[in-house]
Protein backbone atom coordinates (compact mmCIF):
# COMPACT_ATOMS: atom_id res chain seq x y z
CA UNK A 1 0.00 0.00 0.00
CA UNK A 2 2.93 2.35 0.70
CA UNK A 3 4.06 2.08 -2.91
CA UNK A 4 0.56 3.01 -4.12
CA UNK A 5 0.54 6.29 -2.21
CA UNK A 6 3.95 7.17 -3.67
CA UNK A 7 2.96 6.28 -7.22
CA UNK A 8 2.51 8.71 -10.06
CA UNK A 9 -1.07 7.52 -10.57
CA UNK A 10 -2.05 8.43 -7.01
CA UNK A 11 -0.41 11.87 -7.31
CA UNK A 12 -2.24 12.48 -10.59
CA UNK A 13 -5.60 11.54 -9.07
CA UNK A 14 -5.06 13.80 -6.06
CA UNK A 15 -3.96 16.75 -8.20
CA UNK A 16 -6.91 16.24 -10.57
CA UNK A 17 -9.40 16.25 -7.68
CA UNK A 18 -7.75 19.31 -6.13
CA UNK A 19 -7.88 21.04 -9.52
CA UNK A 20 -11.61 20.40 -9.92
CA UNK A 21 -12.32 21.65 -6.40
CA UNK A 22 -10.17 24.75 -6.95
CA UNK A 23 -11.98 25.61 -10.19
CA UNK A 24 -15.38 25.20 -8.52
CA UNK A 25 -14.39 27.33 -5.52
CA UNK A 26 -12.30 29.75 -7.63
CA UNK A 27 -9.23 29.23 -5.43
CA UNK A 28 -6.51 28.71 -8.03
CA UNK A 29 -3.75 30.21 -5.84
CA UNK A 30 -4.64 27.80 -3.04
CA UNK A 31 -4.44 24.92 -5.52
CA UNK A 32 -0.94 25.97 -6.55
CA UNK A 33 0.18 26.36 -2.93
CA UNK A 34 -1.22 22.95 -2.00
CA UNK A 35 0.54 21.44 -4.99
CA UNK A 36 3.86 22.82 -3.79
CA UNK A 37 3.12 21.56 -0.28
CA UNK A 38 2.40 18.05 -1.55
CA UNK A 39 5.65 18.03 -3.53
CA UNK A 40 7.64 19.19 -0.51
CA UNK A 41 6.05 16.65 1.84
CA UNK A 42 6.62 13.84 -0.66
CA UNK A 43 10.29 14.78 -0.94
CA UNK A 44 10.66 14.86 2.85
CA UNK A 45 9.00 11.46 3.14
CA UNK A 46 11.27 9.96 0.48
CA UNK A 47 14.40 11.27 2.22
CA UNK A 48 13.26 9.96 5.61
CA UNK A 49 12.49 6.60 4.04
CA UNK A 50 15.98 6.48 2.50
CA UNK A 51 17.55 7.31 5.87
CA UNK A 52 15.47 4.60 7.55
CA UNK A 53 16.62 2.00 5.00
CA UNK A 54 20.26 2.99 5.48
CA UNK A 55 19.94 2.75 9.27
CA UNK A 56 18.33 -0.70 9.02
CA UNK A 57 21.18 -1.91 6.80
CA UNK A 58 23.81 -0.60 9.22
CA UNK A 59 22.13 -2.39 12.16
CA UNK A 60 22.33 -5.76 10.42
PDB file of N, CA and C in Angstrom:
ATOM      1  N   UNK A   1       0.826  -1.199   0.000  1.00  0.00           N
ATOM      2  CA  UNK A   1       0.000   0.000   0.000  1.00  0.00           C
ATOM      3  C   UNK A   1       0.869   1.262   0.000  1.00  0.00           C
ATOM      4  N   UNK A   2       2.037   1.187   0.657  1.00  0.00           N
ATOM      5  CA  UNK A   2       2.925   2.345   0.702  1.00  0.00           C
ATOM      6  C   UNK A   2       3.362   2.757  -0.702  1.00  0.00           C
ATOM      7  N   UNK A   3       3.645   1.772  -1.543  1.00  0.00           N
ATOM      8  CA  UNK A   3       4.060   2.076  -2.913  1.00  0.00           C
ATOM      9  C   UNK A   3       2.942   2.734  -3.714  1.00  0.00           C
ATOM     10  N   UNK A   4       1.688   2.391  -3.404  1.00  0.00           N
ATOM     11  CA  UNK A   4       0.563   3.006  -4.118  1.00  0.00           C
ATOM     12  C   UNK A   4       0.492   4.497  -3.831  1.00  0.00           C
ATOM     13  N   UNK A   5       0.659   4.885  -2.567  1.00  0.00           N
ATOM     14  CA  UNK A   5       0.544   6.292  -2.215  1.00  0.00           C
ATOM     15  C   UNK A   5       1.729   7.114  -2.706  1.00  0.00           C
ATOM     16  N   UNK A   6       2.813   6.465  -3.093  1.00  0.00           N
ATOM     17  CA  UNK A   6       3.954   7.174  -3.672  1.00  0.00           C
ATOM     18  C   UNK A   6       3.963   7.102  -5.188  1.00  0.00           C
ATOM     19  N   UNK A   7       2.963   6.477  -5.770  1.00  0.00           N
ATOM     20  CA  UNK A   7       2.961   6.278  -7.216  1.00  0.00           C
ATOM     21  C   UNK A   7       2.520   7.540  -7.958  1.00  0.00           C
ATOM     22  N   UNK A   8       2.885   7.590  -9.210  1.00  0.00           N
ATOM     23  CA  UNK A   8       2.507   8.713 -10.062  1.00  0.00           C
ATOM     24  C   UNK A   8       1.002   8.747 -10.284  1.00  0.00           C
ATOM     25  N   UNK A   9       0.379   7.580 -10.381  1.00  0.00           N
ATOM     26  CA  UNK A   9      -1.070   7.518 -10.575  1.00  0.00           C
ATOM     27  C   UNK A   9      -1.803   8.175  -9.412  1.00  0.00           C
ATOM     28  N   UNK A  10      -1.405   7.857  -8.199  1.00  0.00           N
ATOM     29  CA  UNK A  10      -2.052   8.434  -7.012  1.00  0.00           C
ATOM     30  C   UNK A  10      -1.878   9.948  -7.008  1.00  0.00           C
ATOM     31  N   UNK A  11      -0.653  10.424  -7.287  1.00  0.00           N
ATOM     32  CA  UNK A  11      -0.410  11.869  -7.314  1.00  0.00           C
ATOM     33  C   UNK A  11      -1.262  12.551  -8.375  1.00  0.00           C
ATOM     34  N   UNK A  12      -1.422  11.917  -9.524  1.00  0.00           N
ATOM     35  CA  UNK A  12      -2.240  12.480 -10.595  1.00  0.00           C
ATOM     36  C   UNK A  12      -3.697  12.573 -10.176  1.00  0.00           C
ATOM     37  N   UNK A  13      -4.207  11.541  -9.528  1.00  0.00           N
ATOM     38  CA  UNK A  13      -5.603  11.543  -9.073  1.00  0.00           C
ATOM     39  C   UNK A  13      -5.825  12.651  -8.051  1.00  0.00           C
ATOM     40  N   UNK A  14      -4.914  12.773  -7.092  1.00  0.00           N
ATOM     41  CA  UNK A  14      -5.057  13.805  -6.057  1.00  0.00           C
ATOM     42  C   UNK A  14      -5.010  15.197  -6.676  1.00  0.00           C
ATOM     43  N   UNK A  15      -4.074  15.435  -7.571  1.00  0.00           N
ATOM     44  CA  UNK A  15      -3.959  16.750  -8.202  1.00  0.00           C
ATOM     45  C   UNK A  15      -5.186  17.051  -9.063  1.00  0.00           C
ATOM     46  N   UNK A  16      -5.707  16.050  -9.754  1.00  0.00           N
ATOM     47  CA  UNK A  16      -6.907  16.240 -10.569  1.00  0.00           C
ATOM     48  C   UNK A  16      -8.098  16.632  -9.694  1.00  0.00           C
ATOM     49  N   UNK A  17      -8.292  15.932  -8.587  1.00  0.00           N
ATOM     50  CA  UNK A  17      -9.405  16.246  -7.677  1.00  0.00           C
ATOM     51  C   UNK A  17      -9.224  17.641  -7.086  1.00  0.00           C
ATOM     52  N   UNK A  18      -7.998  17.967  -6.668  1.00  0.00           N
ATOM     53  CA  UNK A  18      -7.747  19.306  -6.132  1.00  0.00           C
ATOM     54  C   UNK A  18      -8.001  20.372  -7.191  1.00  0.00           C
ATOM     55  N   UNK A  19      -7.649  20.089  -8.433  1.00  0.00           N
ATOM     56  CA  UNK A  19      -7.882  21.043  -9.518  1.00  0.00           C
ATOM     57  C   UNK A  19      -9.353  21.304  -9.749  1.00  0.00           C
ATOM     58  N   UNK A  20     -10.157  20.245  -9.740  1.00  0.00           N
ATOM     59  CA  UNK A  20     -11.608  20.404  -9.919  1.00  0.00           C
ATOM     60  C   UNK A  20     -12.195  21.229  -8.783  1.00  0.00           C
ATOM     61  N   UNK A  21     -11.798  20.904  -7.557  1.00  0.00           N
ATOM     62  CA  UNK A  21     -12.316  21.646  -6.401  1.00  0.00           C
ATOM     63  C   UNK A  21     -11.887  23.107  -6.470  1.00  0.00           C
ATOM     64  N   UNK A  22     -10.645  23.364  -6.891  1.00  0.00           N
ATOM     65  CA  UNK A  22     -10.175  24.753  -6.948  1.00  0.00           C
ATOM     66  C   UNK A  22     -10.892  25.550  -8.028  1.00  0.00           C
ATOM     67  N   UNK A  23     -11.235  24.904  -9.133  1.00  0.00           N
ATOM     68  CA  UNK A  23     -11.982  25.608 -10.185  1.00  0.00           C
ATOM     69  C   UNK A  23     -13.389  25.928  -9.705  1.00  0.00           C
ATOM     70  N   UNK A  24     -14.022  24.976  -9.021  1.00  0.00           N
ATOM     71  CA  UNK A  24     -15.382  25.195  -8.522  1.00  0.00           C
ATOM     72  C   UNK A  24     -15.404  26.318  -7.490  1.00  0.00           C
ATOM     73  N   UNK A  25     -14.417  26.319  -6.580  1.00  0.00           N
ATOM     74  CA  UNK A  25     -14.394  27.326  -5.517  1.00  0.00           C
ATOM     75  C   UNK A  25     -13.634  28.589  -5.912  1.00  0.00           C
ATOM     76  N   UNK A  26     -13.071  28.614  -7.115  1.00  0.00           N
ATOM     77  CA  UNK A  26     -12.304  29.751  -7.632  1.00  0.00           C
ATOM     78  C   UNK A  26     -11.116  30.094  -6.732  1.00  0.00           C
ATOM     79  N   UNK A  27     -10.412  29.067  -6.277  1.00  0.00           N
ATOM     80  CA  UNK A  27      -9.232  29.233  -5.428  1.00  0.00           C
ATOM     81  C   UNK A  27      -8.009  28.648  -6.129  1.00  0.00           C
ATOM     82  N   UNK A  28      -7.621  29.227  -7.237  1.00  0.00           N
ATOM     83  CA  UNK A  28      -6.511  28.712  -8.034  1.00  0.00           C
ATOM     84  C   UNK A  28      -5.183  28.863  -7.284  1.00  0.00           C
ATOM     85  N   UNK A  29      -4.997  29.985  -6.583  1.00  0.00           N
ATOM     86  CA  UNK A  29      -3.750  30.207  -5.844  1.00  0.00           C
ATOM     87  C   UNK A  29      -3.590  29.157  -4.751  1.00  0.00           C
ATOM     88  N   UNK A  30      -4.678  28.832  -4.072  1.00  0.00           N
ATOM     89  CA  UNK A  30      -4.639  27.798  -3.042  1.00  0.00           C
ATOM     90  C   UNK A  30      -4.263  26.459  -3.654  1.00  0.00           C
ATOM     91  N   UNK A  31      -4.780  26.159  -4.823  1.00  0.00           N
ATOM     92  CA  UNK A  31      -4.440  24.920  -5.523  1.00  0.00           C
ATOM     93  C   UNK A  31      -2.941  24.849  -5.797  1.00  0.00           C
ATOM     94  N   UNK A  32      -2.370  25.941  -6.259  1.00  0.00           N
ATOM     95  CA  UNK A  32      -0.936  25.965  -6.552  1.00  0.00           C
ATOM     96  C   UNK A  32      -0.129  25.789  -5.270  1.00  0.00           C
ATOM     97  N   UNK A  33      -0.530  26.480  -4.199  1.00  0.00           N
ATOM     98  CA  UNK A  33       0.183  26.357  -2.929  1.00  0.00           C
ATOM     99  C   UNK A  33       0.084  24.940  -2.376  1.00  0.00           C
ATOM    100  N   UNK A  34      -1.077  24.321  -2.464  1.00  0.00           N
ATOM    101  CA  UNK A  34      -1.222  22.948  -1.996  1.00  0.00           C
ATOM    102  C   UNK A  34      -0.403  21.987  -2.848  1.00  0.00           C
ATOM    103  N   UNK A  35      -0.305  22.259  -4.119  1.00  0.00           N
ATOM    104  CA  UNK A  35       0.536  21.437  -4.987  1.00  0.00           C
ATOM    105  C   UNK A  35       1.993  21.482  -4.559  1.00  0.00           C
ATOM    106  N   UNK A  36       2.492  22.693  -4.279  1.00  0.00           N
ATOM    107  CA  UNK A  36       3.863  22.817  -3.790  1.00  0.00           C
ATOM    108  C   UNK A  36       4.036  22.097  -2.459  1.00  0.00           C
ATOM    109  N   UNK A  37       3.057  22.215  -1.592  1.00  0.00           N
ATOM    110  CA  UNK A  37       3.121  21.560  -0.283  1.00  0.00           C
ATOM    111  C   UNK A  37       3.175  20.045  -0.431  1.00  0.00           C
ATOM    112  N   UNK A  38       2.383  19.495  -1.324  1.00  0.00           N
ATOM    113  CA  UNK A  38       2.395  18.047  -1.547  1.00  0.00           C
ATOM    114  C   UNK A  38       3.756  17.604  -2.085  1.00  0.00           C
ATOM    115  N   UNK A  39       4.324  18.371  -2.995  1.00  0.00           N
ATOM    116  CA  UNK A  39       5.645  18.027  -3.534  1.00  0.00           C
ATOM    117  C   UNK A  39       6.699  18.049  -2.431  1.00  0.00           C
ATOM    118  N   UNK A  40       6.669  19.071  -1.598  1.00  0.00           N
ATOM    119  CA  UNK A  40       7.641  19.188  -0.514  1.00  0.00           C
ATOM    120  C   UNK A  40       7.493  18.042   0.475  1.00  0.00           C
ATOM    121  N   UNK A  41       6.267  17.731   0.878  1.00  0.00           N
ATOM    122  CA  UNK A  41       6.053  16.648   1.836  1.00  0.00           C
ATOM    123  C   UNK A  41       6.444  15.296   1.259  1.00  0.00           C
ATOM    124  N   UNK A  42       6.210  15.091  -0.017  1.00  0.00           N
ATOM    125  CA  UNK A  42       6.617  13.842  -0.657  1.00  0.00           C
ATOM    126  C   UNK A  42       8.133  13.714  -0.668  1.00  0.00           C
ATOM    127  N   UNK A  43       8.828  14.810  -0.953  1.00  0.00           N
ATOM    128  CA  UNK A  43      10.291  14.776  -0.941  1.00  0.00           C
ATOM    129  C   UNK A  43      10.832  14.495   0.455  1.00  0.00           C
ATOM    130  N   UNK A  44      10.240  15.106   1.471  1.00  0.00           N
ATOM    131  CA  UNK A  44      10.664  14.860   2.850  1.00  0.00           C
ATOM    132  C   UNK A  44      10.442  13.402   3.215  1.00  0.00           C
ATOM    133  N   UNK A  45       9.289  12.860   2.845  1.00  0.00           N
ATOM    134  CA  UNK A  45       8.995  11.459   3.142  1.00  0.00           C
ATOM    135  C   UNK A  45       9.995  10.527   2.461  1.00  0.00           C
ATOM    136  N   UNK A  46      10.309  10.803   1.208  1.00  0.00           N
ATOM    137  CA  UNK A  46      11.267   9.965   0.479  1.00  0.00           C
ATOM    138  C   UNK A  46      12.641   9.994   1.141  1.00  0.00           C
ATOM    139  N   UNK A  47      13.096  11.168   1.566  1.00  0.00           N
ATOM    140  CA  UNK A  47      14.404  11.275   2.219  1.00  0.00           C
ATOM    141  C   UNK A  47      14.404  10.533   3.552  1.00  0.00           C
ATOM    142  N   UNK A  48      13.341  10.678   4.336  1.00  0.00           N
ATOM    143  CA  UNK A  48      13.262   9.965   5.613  1.00  0.00           C
ATOM    144  C   UNK A  48      13.209   8.459   5.404  1.00  0.00           C
ATOM    145  N   UNK A  49      12.544   8.025   4.352  1.00  0.00           N
ATOM    146  CA  UNK A  49      12.486   6.597   4.037  1.00  0.00           C
ATOM    147  C   UNK A  49      13.868   6.082   3.646  1.00  0.00           C
ATOM    148  N   UNK A  50      14.612   6.866   2.870  1.00  0.00           N
ATOM    149  CA  UNK A  50      15.976   6.478   2.501  1.00  0.00           C
ATOM    150  C   UNK A  50      16.871   6.374   3.736  1.00  0.00           C
ATOM    151  N   UNK A  51      16.758   7.337   4.645  1.00  0.00           N
ATOM    152  CA  UNK A  51      17.549   7.312   5.873  1.00  0.00           C
ATOM    153  C   UNK A  51      17.193   6.087   6.706  1.00  0.00           C
ATOM    154  N   UNK A  52      15.916   5.778   6.787  1.00  0.00           N
ATOM    155  CA  UNK A  52      15.471   4.605   7.545  1.00  0.00           C
ATOM    156  C   UNK A  52      16.049   3.319   6.960  1.00  0.00           C
ATOM    157  N   UNK A  53      16.054   3.198   5.646  1.00  0.00           N
ATOM    158  CA  UNK A  53      16.618   2.004   5.003  1.00  0.00           C
ATOM    159  C   UNK A  53      18.113   1.888   5.267  1.00  0.00           C
ATOM    160  N   UNK A  54      18.825   3.003   5.221  1.00  0.00           N
ATOM    161  CA  UNK A  54      20.264   2.995   5.483  1.00  0.00           C
ATOM    162  C   UNK A  54      20.535   2.585   6.926  1.00  0.00           C
ATOM    163  N   UNK A  55      19.741   3.093   7.859  1.00  0.00           N
ATOM    164  CA  UNK A  55      19.938   2.749   9.267  1.00  0.00           C
ATOM    165  C   UNK A  55      19.646   1.275   9.523  1.00  0.00           C
ATOM    166  N   UNK A  56      18.644   0.723   8.859  1.00  0.00           N
ATOM    167  CA  UNK A  56      18.334  -0.696   9.020  1.00  0.00           C
ATOM    168  C   UNK A  56      19.462  -1.563   8.487  1.00  0.00           C
ATOM    169  N   UNK A  57      20.064  -1.154   7.365  1.00  0.00           N
ATOM    170  CA  UNK A  57      21.181  -1.914   6.797  1.00  0.00           C
ATOM    171  C   UNK A  57      22.394  -1.872   7.716  1.00  0.00           C
ATOM    172  N   UNK A  58      22.639  -0.730   8.346  1.00  0.00           N
ATOM    173  CA  UNK A  58      23.807  -0.605   9.219  1.00  0.00           C
ATOM    174  C   UNK A  58      23.625  -1.386  10.519  1.00  0.00           C
ATOM    175  N   UNK A  59      22.386  -1.615  10.945  1.00  0.00           N
ATOM    176  CA  UNK A  59      22.127  -2.393  12.155  1.00  0.00           C
ATOM    177  C   UNK A  59      22.367  -3.876  11.928  1.00  0.00           C
ATOM    178  N   UNK A  60      22.204  -4.328  10.704  1.00  0.00           N
ATOM    179  CA  UNK A  60      22.328  -5.762  10.416  1.00  0.00           C
ATOM    180  C   UNK A  60      23.742  -6.219  10.307  1.00  0.00           C
TER     181      UNK A  60
END
